[in-house]
Structure formats: C-alpha cells, structure tokens
Amino acid sequence: MKTKKTAILDIGSNTIRLVIYSYDHIRGLREFENIKTVARLRTFIQNDGSMSEEGIELLQGILQSFQQMLKDYDVDDVLATATAAIRQATNQQQIVERMKKETGFELDILSEEEEAYFGFLAVAHSVSTESAVTIDIGGGSTEITYFVNKKLQKTHSFPFGVVSLQQQFMKGEKMTSVERDQLSLFAEAQFRSLPWLNGVRLPVIGIGGSARNIAQIDQQRKEYPISNVHQYNMNVIDLYTLSDTLGDLSINELTKIDGLSSDRADIILPALEVFRALMKVVQSQEFIFSRKGLREGIMLNRVLQIHPNALNKHDVFTQSSKALAAEFEMNEHEAEHLQFLAEQVYEACVSHHKIQLSEDSLILLRRAATLFYLGEYIDADSASQHTFYILSNRSIDGLEHMERIKLALVASYKNKDTLKRYAAPFEKWLSKDDLKHLRDLGALLKFAYGLNGSKRSIVNKVEMESYGEGLKMNIYVKGNAMAEEYQAGKQKKHLERLCKCEVTLEFIEKDGQANG
C-alpha cells in the first residue's frame, strides 16, 4: 500500500523550506525530505511596507523549483504557508494572487496567533516539560507562548526577528558592544511589556533555526558526547558564555564556528541577545531546544482534527517509543510480556531487599523492556551494541538526554564490562552509584528476557523465597519450559550478582509439577 505523503511549503522571512511528511497511528509523524533555501524575504520589504518586485520574483522562482521537485516526489497534497514577511507586506494580496497564477500554490498566510499556536502544539507533543515559555524567532517576527500543564495560557507575536534586528542594530561586519547593549535593552523592554511573562520562573524552550544553531555551538564547545539537539538543555550561564565568546567575532570569523550554519553567521548574535533578554525577564535558569516547531505543529493540528484522541501530550514517550519499536519491527506482544516479567522479578527483589523500591527506577525498567535489544533488527549477534548506539543517538520525544542515556544502558545490557565501556563517554554525567544501579536494572532485565526464551509468553508468575543461604525463584509456567529453563539458567549469574547470593530456579507447570 502506498504511503500517503503531505508536503509543507514553509515560506519564512529568512528561509523557505519544502518538507515532506507522512503520518500513521503506529509510526507517528515521519519526515521524509527537508529542503531549505535562504531567501531573506524580510530584506525586500520597502519603506512603504510593500515587498519589492525583486523579492516577489525570488519567491516565485523558488516555488517553481519546489513545484518541479514535488512532481518528482509524486506528492500532490501540499500545504503552502507563509509567515511574517508576506503577512506584514502591504501588497500581500497581490503576492498571493501572483503565486497562485504562476506556481499553482495557494498560500495560506498564517495569523500571528496561528503561528504561535502551531509552535506550542509541536512542543507540547514532543517534550516532557509540562509548563514553559516558548520562543520562535524567525526572520521578521518572534512568537512567544506560555503554557501550564501542557495547556496554552497566552500567546504573543512581536513584529521583529533576527533579520530585522540585524538590519536595525548591526551596522558593520561586527556587532559592537554598544549595539549589543542597545539590542538587549530593546528586546528586554519588549518582553517586559507582557505582564504574564515577568518572573514566571519557567524553562524557556527555543524553536527554530537560530535556537538550533545555538544548541549546536554549545554542544561543540562542551565536546558533547552524543549527537542530536532535540531536548538539549542549557543553563543561563551557557548563554552568557556564548555571548561573551561570540560577541567579539566578525561575521567572517563566525562562519568558521563549528555548529553554526554559515547562512546564519550574520544573525546569530541578535538571536542570542534576544534569548538572553527573555531568560532575564522570565527569570529562567533553563533553556531547552525543541527541534519540533511550526511545520510539525501544522501537521499535528491536521491529525488531531481528524483523530482527536490520537495523541497524548502528557505521555509523549509512549507514542515515540511505539513508533521506534514499529520501525525496528519489534513484536509488541513480546515487549509487553517482557515488561510484565521484569516487573515481577523487580518486585520479588524488592521484597527481599535486594534492590530499593523506586518509582523512577520502575519507570526506567518498564521503558527499557519495551525497547530491549531492538538492535536485533540490524544484527542479532551484535544486538547490544546496535541497541545502545541507536537509543543514545536517536531523538526520542519525551526524554531528556540524560534519561535517554540511562534508557540506552539498561535496554542494551549484556554484562557489566560492556555497560562500563558504553558508559565511558558519560563519566561526567553518571556517578559510580548511578552506574551500579543501572547495572542492576540491566541485569534484572536480561534475566527476565531469558524467562521468555521460546517467545511463547508461557511464564505467568514469578515468586521468590529464602532457600538455605540463598534464594529460590519459583517460576510458574503453562506448557513445556525447556527453552526458558535453558535461557534463564544462562542469565542467572546476572541475578545472583545483583542479589549477592546463590539463586535456585524452579519451574512449576500450571498443574503444580516442578520442571527443575
């Protein structure tokens, strides 16, 4: 069956993008292609407020190129949206009519409220943060939202963006300290004009290309050990450090900075000062980047209009993990049974004081069970290695980076030496106690995995009791458990290391007959 694809033409004030998506209820929203061109349409707005003929011709040429690409991709479902540059142009209607005639695209000029709302919608369905302030600074406008418990409270659109700020405050190849101070004071005054922003003390979530570049620069500066910037977390000191580091550089010098796109070298400093000003007004200590923004919000809005209950913004991880499991063709029933077995073994160990009860640990164990050894899809013999690499480097909505590493270490557990090797790049993140705890959870999960050796889900109950100097685990099964006995016996050493004693396994059929 052919996958239904939708293209979004995102006509911004700085860049124009063609992005192709698909959506289904199992794999969620997937991006197939993302083509970007820098147009700087905001620079073609004239003194009378109209867009110049040069700017209109540039837009028309780009859309005609995208039109041909869409034919090659065989995509006919197209949403063409435009934001500040065209929204603010006094000849907006003329531009819309001309694009319809010359390119066939009917432009949907998003209102300020729509642009802000779609950004919020994407963030709410891709990060775990329940309450925050979001900022999406484009070329010609800046959208701010404020949400609490994933419920939108306020939105506002400011008629300035990185391109217009660069034109207004940066006169040469290098931003002077006076220009930087003037820009900062301007941005701070704008944000303070919104009473609901002042001192809310919530995380600030950055959306869009400028925020992404700042996150990438910070990762390069810190020699960050994993890839991907979605849900990357910075603190207010990081922003000040970047401002001090980048502030003295010319545009030519900025183009050489690792992590910074060359087409943003002249506008990154205005963006950075705006983020700093917002952090100051909000009195926030935490800056988070969301890769999901306007375009994803438009797509999700369409999904929710057709299927209102398709997405749960309060449980982002579950949707994301199901999509990941489906991509790697994991058996959902087997994953659910492993989760059941892992909980049974965990509870047995807790009852005998071999591991400390913790809701956070139980959540991590359940999550790791749903994705345990997903790397088998690539190569069964090196499933652990592939699992760790995928989970530690793949964007997983609803998980911050530290949580993702912990998940990767538990879901890929093979033995303590392998875990130690995987964890080596993250020695600054994880203490010895953290590693021991993750090792214990991994060992427990690896043993539980052995209890379904035949993939038939025949183990329906696990109990533990004292047995001489050690422990005995009674494992109740329905049917022949030869494979389970063999696999669990192989993995028993992991459980014994956790319990620090000998563990005897006894398999008991439903009629009460012991197998071992």
Protein backbone atom coordinates (compact mmCIF):
# COMPACT_ATOMS: atom_id res chain seq x y z
CA MET A 1 0.00 0.00 0.00
CA LYS A 2 1.36 3.42 -0.97
CA THR A 3 2.17 5.70 1.96
CA LYS A 4 0.20 8.96 1.91
CA LYS A 5 2.61 11.88 1.97
CA THR A 6 2.00 15.55 2.68
CA ALA A 7 4.34 18.40 1.80
CA ILE A 8 4.57 21.64 3.71
CA LEU A 9 5.94 24.71 2.00
CA ASP A 10 7.10 26.93 4.83
CA ILE A 11 7.71 30.43 3.50
CA GLY A 12 9.51 32.26 6.29
CA SER A 13 11.15 35.66 6.47
CA ASN A 14 14.64 34.17 6.45
CA THR A 15 14.36 30.72 4.87
CA ILE A 16 11.93 28.80 2.67
CA ARG A 17 11.62 25.06 3.20
CA LEU A 18 9.97 22.15 1.48
CA VAL A 19 9.38 19.33 3.96
CA ILE A 20 7.61 16.06 3.16
CA TYR A 21 5.86 14.11 5.92
CA SER A 22 3.75 11.04 6.44
CA TYR A 23 1.64 10.06 9.43
CA ASP A 24 0.14 6.84 10.67
CA HIS A 25 -1.17 5.88 14.11
CA ILE A 26 1.68 3.41 14.75
CA ARG A 27 4.80 5.19 13.47
CA GLY A 28 3.50 8.69 14.10
CA LEU A 29 4.77 11.70 12.18
CA ARG A 30 7.78 10.95 9.96
CA GLU A 31 9.87 13.35 7.93
CA PHE A 32 10.98 12.04 4.52
CA GLU A 33 12.65 15.05 2.96
CA ASN A 34 13.72 18.52 4.08
CA ILE A 35 14.99 21.02 1.52
CA LYS A 36 15.97 24.53 2.57
CA THR A 37 16.91 27.70 0.74
CA VAL A 38 17.86 31.03 2.26
CA ALA A 39 15.78 33.83 0.73
CA ARG A 40 15.83 36.61 3.36
CA LEU A 41 12.43 37.86 2.12
CA ARG A 42 12.34 40.30 5.03
CA THR A 43 15.10 42.33 3.38
CA PHE A 44 12.84 43.03 0.38
CA ILE A 45 10.26 44.92 2.44
CA GLN A 46 10.47 48.55 1.28
CA ASN A 47 9.94 51.77 3.19
CA ASP A 48 6.26 51.85 2.18
CA GLY A 49 5.76 48.38 3.65
CA SER A 50 5.43 46.55 0.33
CA MET A 51 7.62 43.70 -0.89
CA SER A 52 9.73 44.70 -3.88
CA GLU A 53 9.42 43.14 -7.31
CA GLU A 54 12.86 41.61 -6.79
CA GLY A 55 11.65 39.81 -3.68
CA ILE A 56 8.47 38.60 -5.36
CA GLU A 57 10.43 37.25 -8.33
CA LEU A 58 12.80 35.46 -5.95
CA LEU A 59 9.86 33.83 -4.15
CA GLN A 60 8.24 32.85 -7.43
CA GLY A 61 11.43 31.22 -8.74
CA ILE A 62 11.89 29.20 -5.55
CA LEU A 63 8.29 27.99 -5.54
CA GLN A 64 8.53 26.97 -9.19
CA SER A 65 11.62 24.91 -8.34
CA PHE A 66 9.79 23.27 -5.45
CA GLN A 67 6.83 22.62 -7.74
CA GLN A 68 9.04 20.51 -10.01
CA MET A 69 10.52 18.66 -7.02
CA LEU A 70 7.03 17.76 -5.77
CA LYS A 71 6.23 16.24 -9.17
CA ASP A 72 9.40 14.16 -8.96
CA TYR A 73 8.48 13.07 -5.42
CA ASP A 74 4.92 12.31 -6.61
CA VAL A 75 3.35 14.38 -3.83
CA ASP A 76 0.15 16.27 -4.56
CA ASP A 77 -1.07 17.01 -1.02
CA VAL A 78 0.63 20.35 -0.36
CA LEU A 79 0.13 22.91 2.40
CA ALA A 80 1.78 26.19 1.44
CA THR A 81 2.09 28.50 4.43
CA ALA A 82 3.64 31.94 4.79
CA THR A 83 4.54 33.91 7.90
CA ALA A 84 5.80 37.38 8.82
CA ALA A 85 7.48 38.63 5.61
CA ILE A 86 4.36 38.18 3.49
CA ARG A 87 1.94 38.75 6.37
CA GLN A 88 3.48 42.15 7.03
CA ALA A 89 3.73 43.18 3.35
CA THR A 90 1.17 45.78 2.30
CA ASN A 91 0.94 44.10 -1.12
CA GLN A 92 0.17 40.72 0.46
CA GLN A 93 -2.91 40.04 -1.68
CA GLN A 94 -1.00 40.79 -4.90
CA ILE A 95 1.70 38.30 -3.86
CA VAL A 96 -0.86 35.60 -3.04
CA GLU A 97 -2.67 36.01 -6.36
CA ARG A 98 0.55 36.01 -8.35
CA MET A 99 1.88 32.85 -6.67
CA LYS A 100 -1.43 31.10 -7.35
CA LYS A 101 -1.28 32.07 -11.02
CA GLU A 102 2.42 31.45 -11.67
CA THR A 103 3.13 28.43 -9.42
CA GLY A 104 -0.24 26.87 -8.63
CA PHE A 105 0.36 27.18 -4.89
CA GLU A 106 -2.39 28.80 -2.87
CA LEU A 107 -0.62 30.49 0.03
CA ASP A 108 -2.15 30.29 3.50
CA ILE A 109 -0.97 33.40 5.34
CA LEU A 110 -0.78 32.33 8.97
CA SER A 111 -2.01 34.82 11.52
CA GLU A 112 0.25 35.69 14.45
CA GLU A 113 -1.95 33.59 16.74
CA GLU A 114 -1.87 30.58 14.42
CA GLU A 115 1.91 30.71 14.08
CA ALA A 116 2.34 30.80 17.86
CA TYR A 117 -0.24 28.07 18.44
CA PHE A 118 1.30 25.63 15.97
CA GLY A 119 4.69 26.09 17.62
CA PHE A 120 3.18 25.35 21.04
CA LEU A 121 1.36 22.29 19.68
CA ALA A 122 4.61 20.79 18.38
CA VAL A 123 6.43 21.42 21.65
CA ALA A 124 3.60 20.04 23.78
CA HIS A 125 3.68 16.76 21.83
CA SER A 126 7.45 16.32 21.69
CA VAL A 127 8.93 17.30 25.07
CA SER A 128 8.16 16.13 28.59
CA THR A 129 8.24 19.62 30.15
CA GLU A 130 4.73 20.30 31.44
CA SER A 131 4.99 24.08 31.86
CA ALA A 132 7.23 26.55 30.00
CA VAL A 133 7.62 29.65 27.88
CA THR A 134 8.41 29.07 24.19
CA ILE A 135 10.13 31.40 21.75
CA ASP A 136 10.30 31.03 17.98
CA ILE A 137 12.37 33.84 16.49
CA GLY A 138 12.14 33.99 12.73
CA GLY A 139 13.43 36.50 10.25
CA GLY A 140 10.64 39.04 10.68
CA SER A 141 8.66 38.12 13.78
CA THR A 142 9.07 36.49 17.18
CA GLU A 143 6.34 34.28 18.65
CA ILE A 144 6.05 33.75 22.39
CA THR A 145 3.76 31.29 24.16
CA TYR A 146 3.19 30.47 27.82
CA PHE A 147 1.71 27.11 28.81
CA VAL A 148 0.97 25.38 32.11
CA ASN A 149 0.37 21.62 32.39
CA LYS A 150 0.51 21.47 28.59
CA LYS A 151 -2.42 23.90 28.38
CA LEU A 152 -1.83 27.07 26.40
CA GLN A 153 -2.33 30.20 28.51
CA LYS A 154 -1.03 33.13 26.47
CA THR A 155 0.47 33.89 23.05
CA HIS A 156 2.02 36.99 21.53
CA SER A 157 3.79 37.86 18.29
CA PHE A 158 6.37 40.65 18.16
CA PRO A 159 6.99 42.32 14.76
CA PHE A 160 10.75 41.82 14.91
CA GLY A 161 13.01 38.92 14.02
CA VAL A 162 16.68 38.16 13.53
CA VAL A 163 16.86 39.68 10.05
CA SER A 164 15.07 42.91 11.00
CA LEU A 165 17.10 43.19 14.23
CA GLN A 166 20.34 42.68 12.32
CA GLN A 167 19.34 45.45 9.93
CA GLN A 168 18.36 47.75 12.79
CA PHE A 169 21.17 47.20 15.27
CA MET A 170 24.20 45.83 13.39
CA LYS A 171 25.79 48.33 11.02
CA GLY A 172 29.12 46.65 10.24
CA GLU A 173 30.79 43.26 9.93
CA LYS A 174 30.98 43.01 13.69
CA MET A 175 28.42 43.81 16.38
CA THR A 176 29.87 46.41 18.74
CA SER A 177 29.32 46.31 22.49
CA VAL A 178 27.14 49.43 22.21
CA GLU A 179 24.97 47.79 19.52
CA ARG A 180 24.69 44.65 21.59
CA ASP A 181 23.61 46.61 24.67
CA GLN A 182 21.07 48.57 22.63
CA LEU A 183 19.59 45.40 21.16
CA SER A 184 19.42 43.75 24.58
CA LEU A 185 17.65 46.75 26.12
CA PHE A 186 15.20 46.84 23.21
CA ALA A 187 14.35 43.12 23.47
CA GLU A 188 14.06 43.25 27.25
CA ALA A 189 11.67 46.22 27.07
CA GLN A 190 9.53 44.39 24.51
CA PHE A 191 9.26 41.29 26.68
CA ARG A 192 8.55 43.29 29.85
CA SER A 193 5.54 44.79 28.08
CA LEU A 194 3.82 41.42 28.62
CA PRO A 195 2.87 41.22 32.33
CA TRP A 196 2.32 37.46 32.13
CA LEU A 197 5.97 36.89 31.14
CA ASN A 198 7.62 38.72 34.03
CA GLY A 199 9.13 36.42 36.64
CA VAL A 200 7.19 33.24 35.82
CA ARG A 201 10.41 31.27 36.53
CA LEU A 202 9.77 28.51 33.99
CA PRO A 203 12.06 26.87 31.45
CA VAL A 204 12.38 28.69 28.12
CA ILE A 205 12.01 26.41 25.10
CA GLY A 206 13.61 27.66 21.88
CA ILE A 207 12.17 26.70 18.49
CA GLY A 208 13.62 27.23 15.03
CA GLY A 209 16.94 27.55 13.25
CA SER A 210 18.56 30.19 15.46
CA ALA A 211 17.88 28.20 18.64
CA ARG A 212 19.12 25.04 16.94
CA ASN A 213 22.40 26.69 15.95
CA ILE A 214 22.98 27.99 19.46
CA ALA A 215 22.41 24.50 20.85
CA GLN A 216 24.83 23.04 18.29
CA ILE A 217 27.53 25.62 19.10
CA ASP A 218 27.18 24.86 22.80
CA GLN A 219 27.48 21.13 22.16
CA GLN A 220 30.67 21.68 20.15
CA ARG A 221 32.05 23.92 22.88
CA LYS A 222 31.44 21.25 25.51
CA GLU A 223 32.55 18.34 23.30
CA TYR A 224 29.13 16.84 23.93
CA PRO A 225 29.31 13.02 23.76
CA ILE A 226 26.12 12.32 21.78
CA SER A 227 24.51 13.66 18.62
CA ASN A 228 21.07 15.28 18.23
CA VAL A 229 19.94 18.57 19.72
CA HIS A 230 16.21 17.94 20.27
CA GLN A 231 15.55 18.48 24.01
CA TYR A 232 19.13 19.66 24.54
CA ASN A 233 19.34 21.53 27.83
CA MET A 234 21.42 24.65 28.54
CA ASN A 235 21.51 26.93 31.57
CA VAL A 236 21.54 30.71 31.70
CA ILE A 237 25.32 30.76 32.27
CA ASP A 238 25.80 28.87 28.99
CA LEU A 239 24.00 31.65 27.10
CA TYR A 240 26.13 34.34 28.74
CA THR A 241 29.28 32.35 27.96
CA LEU A 242 28.30 32.06 24.30
CA SER A 243 27.51 35.78 24.17
CA ASP A 244 30.96 36.60 25.52
CA THR A 245 32.66 34.09 23.22
CA LEU A 246 30.87 35.03 20.01
CA GLY A 247 30.30 38.71 20.69
CA ASP A 248 33.81 39.81 19.71
CA LEU A 249 33.85 37.91 16.41
CA SER A 250 33.25 39.31 12.95
CA ILE A 251 30.78 37.72 10.54
CA ASN A 252 33.69 36.13 8.66
CA GLU A 253 35.05 34.66 11.89
CA LEU A 254 31.60 33.43 12.89
CA THR A 255 31.28 31.42 9.66
CA LYS A 256 34.14 29.24 10.90
CA ILE A 257 32.49 28.35 14.21
CA ASP A 258 31.66 24.63 14.46
CA GLY A 259 27.94 24.07 14.82
CA LEU A 260 26.94 27.38 13.21
CA SER A 261 25.40 27.35 9.72
CA SER A 262 27.25 29.79 7.50
CA ASP A 263 23.96 31.35 6.36
CA ARG A 264 23.21 32.34 9.96
CA ALA A 265 26.59 33.88 10.80
CA ASP A 266 25.28 37.44 10.50
CA ILE A 267 22.09 36.87 12.50
CA ILE A 268 23.17 34.54 15.32
CA LEU A 269 24.22 37.35 17.69
CA PRO A 270 20.85 39.16 17.51
CA ALA A 271 19.13 35.83 18.22
CA LEU A 272 21.41 35.12 21.17
CA GLU A 273 20.75 38.53 22.72
CA VAL A 274 17.00 38.06 22.34
CA PHE A 275 17.17 34.68 24.09
CA ARG A 276 19.23 36.21 26.90
CA ALA A 277 16.74 39.05 27.30
CA LEU A 278 13.81 36.63 27.51
CA MET A 279 15.61 34.47 30.08
CA LYS A 280 16.18 37.60 32.17
CA VAL A 281 12.55 38.73 32.04
CA VAL A 282 11.18 35.24 32.73
CA GLN A 283 13.85 34.73 35.45
CA SER A 284 14.54 31.34 33.92
CA GLN A 285 17.60 29.20 34.57
CA GLU A 286 16.92 26.61 31.87
CA PHE A 287 16.96 26.90 28.07
CA ILE A 288 15.77 23.85 26.12
CA PHE A 289 15.83 23.40 22.36
CA SER A 290 12.92 21.76 20.55
CA ARG A 291 13.56 20.56 17.02
CA LYS A 292 9.80 20.29 16.55
CA GLY A 293 8.14 23.59 15.68
CA LEU A 294 5.80 25.32 13.25
CA ARG A 295 5.74 22.70 10.49
CA GLU A 296 5.26 19.76 12.85
CA GLY A 297 2.56 21.73 14.65
CA ILE A 298 0.67 22.26 11.38
CA MET A 299 0.81 18.52 10.66
CA LEU A 300 -0.23 17.55 14.20
CA ASN A 301 -3.11 20.00 14.07
CA ARG A 302 -4.36 18.27 10.94
CA VAL A 303 -4.05 14.84 12.62
CA LEU A 304 -5.95 16.00 15.72
CA GLN A 305 -8.75 17.46 13.63
CA ILE A 306 -9.34 14.03 12.08
CA HIS A 307 -8.43 11.90 15.14
CA PRO A 308 -8.89 13.99 18.32
CA ASN A 309 -7.66 11.21 20.63
CA ALA A 310 -4.71 10.06 18.51
CA LEU A 311 -2.06 11.81 20.61
CA ASN A 312 -1.41 12.15 24.33
CA LYS A 313 0.67 15.22 25.09
CA HIS A 314 1.03 14.13 28.74
CA ASP A 315 2.69 10.83 27.75
CA VAL A 316 4.95 11.79 24.89
CA PHE A 317 7.42 8.97 25.42
CA THR A 318 4.90 6.17 24.90
CA GLN A 319 3.93 7.40 21.44
CA SER A 320 7.57 7.92 20.49
CA SER A 321 8.70 4.52 21.78
CA LYS A 322 5.89 2.72 19.96
CA ALA A 323 6.92 4.40 16.73
CA LEU A 324 10.55 3.40 17.33
CA ALA A 325 9.60 -0.19 18.14
CA ALA A 326 7.50 -0.39 14.98
CA GLU A 327 10.35 0.98 12.87
CA PHE A 328 12.62 -1.81 14.11
CA GLU A 329 9.85 -4.40 13.77
CA MET A 330 9.72 -5.34 17.44
CA ASN A 331 6.96 -7.72 18.49
CA GLU A 332 4.59 -5.66 20.65
CA HIS A 333 3.21 -8.70 22.50
CA GLU A 334 6.71 -9.96 23.38
CA ALA A 335 7.71 -6.50 24.61
CA GLU A 336 4.63 -6.29 26.82
CA HIS A 337 5.35 -9.74 28.27
CA LEU A 338 8.97 -8.78 28.95
CA GLN A 339 7.71 -5.70 30.76
CA PHE A 340 5.43 -7.94 32.85
CA LEU A 341 8.26 -10.37 33.68
CA ALA A 342 10.70 -7.58 34.54
CA GLU A 343 8.19 -6.07 36.97
CA GLN A 344 7.61 -9.47 38.59
CA VAL A 345 11.35 -10.03 39.10
CA TYR A 346 11.83 -6.45 40.28
CA GLU A 347 9.07 -6.75 42.87
CA ALA A 348 10.50 -10.07 44.06
CA CYS A 349 13.94 -8.48 44.53
CA VAL A 350 12.41 -5.50 46.35
CA SER A 351 10.50 -7.81 48.71
CA HIS A 352 13.79 -9.48 49.68
CA HIS A 353 15.61 -6.13 50.00
CA LYS A 354 17.97 -6.86 47.13
CA ILE A 355 17.06 -3.66 45.36
CA GLN A 356 15.49 -0.47 46.67
CA LEU A 357 11.95 0.37 45.61
CA SER A 358 11.87 3.47 43.44
CA GLU A 359 9.11 4.66 41.13
CA ASP A 360 11.69 6.29 38.85
CA SER A 361 13.59 3.01 38.59
CA LEU A 362 10.42 1.09 37.83
CA ILE A 363 9.52 3.57 35.08
CA LEU A 364 13.00 3.21 33.58
CA LEU A 365 12.75 -0.60 33.75
CA ARG A 366 9.36 -0.59 32.02
CA ARG A 367 10.61 1.72 29.28
CA ALA A 368 13.76 -0.32 28.72
CA ALA A 369 11.68 -3.50 28.48
CA THR A 370 9.64 -2.06 25.61
CA LEU A 371 12.84 -1.41 23.60
CA PHE A 372 15.14 -4.14 24.92
CA TYR A 373 17.60 -5.33 22.26
CA LEU A 374 15.81 -3.54 19.42
CA GLY A 375 19.20 -3.68 17.68
CA GLU A 376 18.48 -7.34 16.85
CA TYR A 377 16.75 -5.94 13.77
CA ILE A 378 20.17 -4.95 12.42
CA ASP A 379 22.25 -7.91 13.60
CA ALA A 380 21.34 -10.47 16.26
CA ASP A 381 24.97 -11.19 17.15
CA SER A 382 25.70 -7.53 17.99
CA ALA A 383 22.22 -6.58 19.20
CA SER A 384 23.54 -4.96 22.38
CA GLN A 385 25.96 -2.66 20.56
CA HIS A 386 23.39 -1.59 17.98
CA THR A 387 20.74 -1.05 20.65
CA PHE A 388 22.96 1.25 22.66
CA TYR A 389 24.04 3.26 19.64
CA ILE A 390 20.50 3.75 18.34
CA LEU A 391 18.94 4.71 21.67
CA SER A 392 21.78 7.00 22.76
CA ASN A 393 21.90 8.90 19.46
CA ARG A 394 18.33 8.77 18.25
CA SER A 395 15.91 11.56 19.15
CA ILE A 396 13.22 10.11 21.43
CA ASP A 397 10.40 12.53 22.17
CA GLY A 398 9.66 12.91 25.85
CA LEU A 399 13.17 12.03 27.05
CA GLU A 400 15.88 14.46 28.04
CA HIS A 401 19.40 13.44 27.06
CA MET A 402 20.42 12.07 30.47
CA GLU A 403 17.25 9.96 30.57
CA ARG A 404 18.00 8.70 27.07
CA ILE A 405 21.49 7.52 28.05
CA LYS A 406 20.12 5.69 31.09
CA LEU A 407 17.50 4.03 28.91
CA ALA A 408 20.14 3.03 26.36
CA LEU A 409 22.39 1.48 29.03
CA VAL A 410 19.60 -0.63 30.55
CA ALA A 411 17.92 -1.64 27.27
CA SER A 412 21.26 -2.77 25.79
CA TYR A 413 22.59 -4.58 28.88
CA LYS A 414 24.85 -7.51 28.08
CA ASN A 415 27.24 -7.66 31.02
CA LYS A 416 28.90 -5.27 33.47
CA ASP A 417 32.04 -4.82 31.36
CA THR A 418 30.06 -3.87 28.27
CA LEU A 419 27.96 -1.43 30.27
CA LYS A 420 31.11 0.15 31.65
CA ARG A 421 32.51 0.54 28.13
CA TYR A 422 29.29 2.09 26.81
CA ALA A 423 29.14 4.47 29.76
CA ALA A 424 32.76 5.66 29.45
CA PRO A 425 31.99 8.83 27.39
CA PHE A 426 29.47 9.87 30.04
CA GLU A 427 31.65 9.67 33.15
CA LYS A 428 30.81 13.30 33.96
CA TRP A 429 27.12 12.51 33.82
CA LEU A 430 26.94 9.32 35.87
CA SER A 431 28.30 8.60 39.34
CA LYS A 432 29.52 5.17 40.47
CA ASP A 433 26.24 4.70 42.33
CA ASP A 434 24.32 5.58 39.16
CA LEU A 435 26.26 3.00 37.18
CA LYS A 436 25.73 0.31 39.78
CA HIS A 437 22.01 0.97 39.83
CA LEU A 438 21.78 0.89 36.03
CA ARG A 439 23.82 -2.31 36.02
CA ASP A 440 21.37 -3.88 38.50
CA LEU A 441 18.37 -2.90 36.40
CA GLY A 442 20.07 -4.18 33.25
CA ALA A 443 20.95 -7.48 34.91
CA LEU A 444 17.40 -7.90 36.12
CA LEU A 445 16.03 -7.16 32.65
CA LYS A 446 18.49 -9.54 30.97
CA PHE A 447 17.36 -12.33 33.31
CA ALA A 448 13.68 -11.52 32.66
CA TYR A 449 14.45 -11.70 28.93
CA GLY A 450 15.66 -15.28 29.44
CA LEU A 451 12.34 -16.18 31.04
CA ASN A 452 10.74 -15.85 27.61
CA GLY A 453 13.35 -17.91 25.79
CA SER A 454 10.86 -19.51 23.38
CA LYS A 455 8.98 -16.24 22.71
CA ARG A 456 5.73 -18.02 23.66
CA SER A 457 4.97 -15.98 26.82
CA ILE A 458 4.38 -19.10 28.89
CA VAL A 459 5.71 -17.74 32.22
CA ASN A 460 2.75 -16.25 34.06
CA LYS A 461 4.05 -15.71 37.59
CA VAL A 462 7.37 -15.31 39.42
CA GLU A 463 7.86 -15.57 43.18
CA MET A 464 10.98 -15.53 45.35
CA GLU A 465 11.60 -17.15 48.74
CA SER A 466 14.54 -17.72 51.07
CA TYR A 467 16.29 -21.02 50.45
CA GLY A 468 19.11 -22.02 52.79
CA GLU A 469 21.88 -19.44 52.41
CA GLY A 470 20.41 -18.18 49.17
CA LEU A 471 17.14 -17.62 47.38
CA LYS A 472 14.79 -19.76 45.33
CA MET A 473 12.76 -18.36 42.46
CA ASN A 474 9.55 -20.19 41.69
CA ILE A 475 8.62 -19.68 38.06
CA TYR A 476 5.08 -20.72 37.12
CA VAL A 477 4.63 -21.75 33.50
CA LYS A 478 1.95 -23.01 31.17
CA GLY A 479 3.41 -25.66 28.89
CA ASN A 480 6.86 -27.02 28.22
CA ALA A 481 9.50 -24.59 29.52
CA MET A 482 12.65 -26.24 28.16
CA ALA A 483 13.81 -23.10 26.32
CA GLU A 484 13.01 -20.88 29.29
CA GLU A 485 14.93 -23.13 31.68
CA TYR A 486 17.98 -23.05 29.42
CA GLN A 487 17.97 -19.29 28.77
CA ALA A 488 17.12 -18.29 32.34
CA GLY A 489 19.84 -20.65 33.59
CA LYS A 490 22.36 -18.88 31.34
CA GLN A 491 21.33 -15.47 32.65
CA LYS A 492 21.02 -16.48 36.31
CA LYS A 493 24.52 -15.18 37.04
CA HIS A 494 23.31 -11.62 36.45
CA LEU A 495 20.57 -12.07 39.04
CA GLU A 496 22.99 -13.70 41.51
CA ARG A 497 25.38 -10.77 41.16
CA LEU A 498 22.54 -8.40 41.95
CA CYS A 499 21.30 -10.47 44.92
CA LYS A 500 24.83 -11.30 46.15
CA CYS A 501 23.84 -14.90 46.81
CA GLU A 502 23.07 -18.17 45.04
CA VAL A 503 19.68 -18.25 43.31
CA THR A 504 17.96 -21.55 42.59
CA LEU A 505 15.41 -21.64 39.80
CA GLU A 506 12.37 -23.91 39.95
CA PHE A 507 9.98 -24.06 37.02
CA ILE A 508 6.47 -25.15 38.02
CA GLU A 509 3.83 -26.12 35.49
CA LYS A 510 0.28 -24.89 35.97
CA ASP A 511 -0.80 -28.30 37.36
CA GLY A 512 1.84 -27.97 40.08
CA GLN A 513 4.52 -30.27 38.66
CA ALA A 514 8.07 -28.98 39.09
CA ASN A 515 10.30 -28.95 35.98
CA GLY A 516 13.61 -28.10 37.56
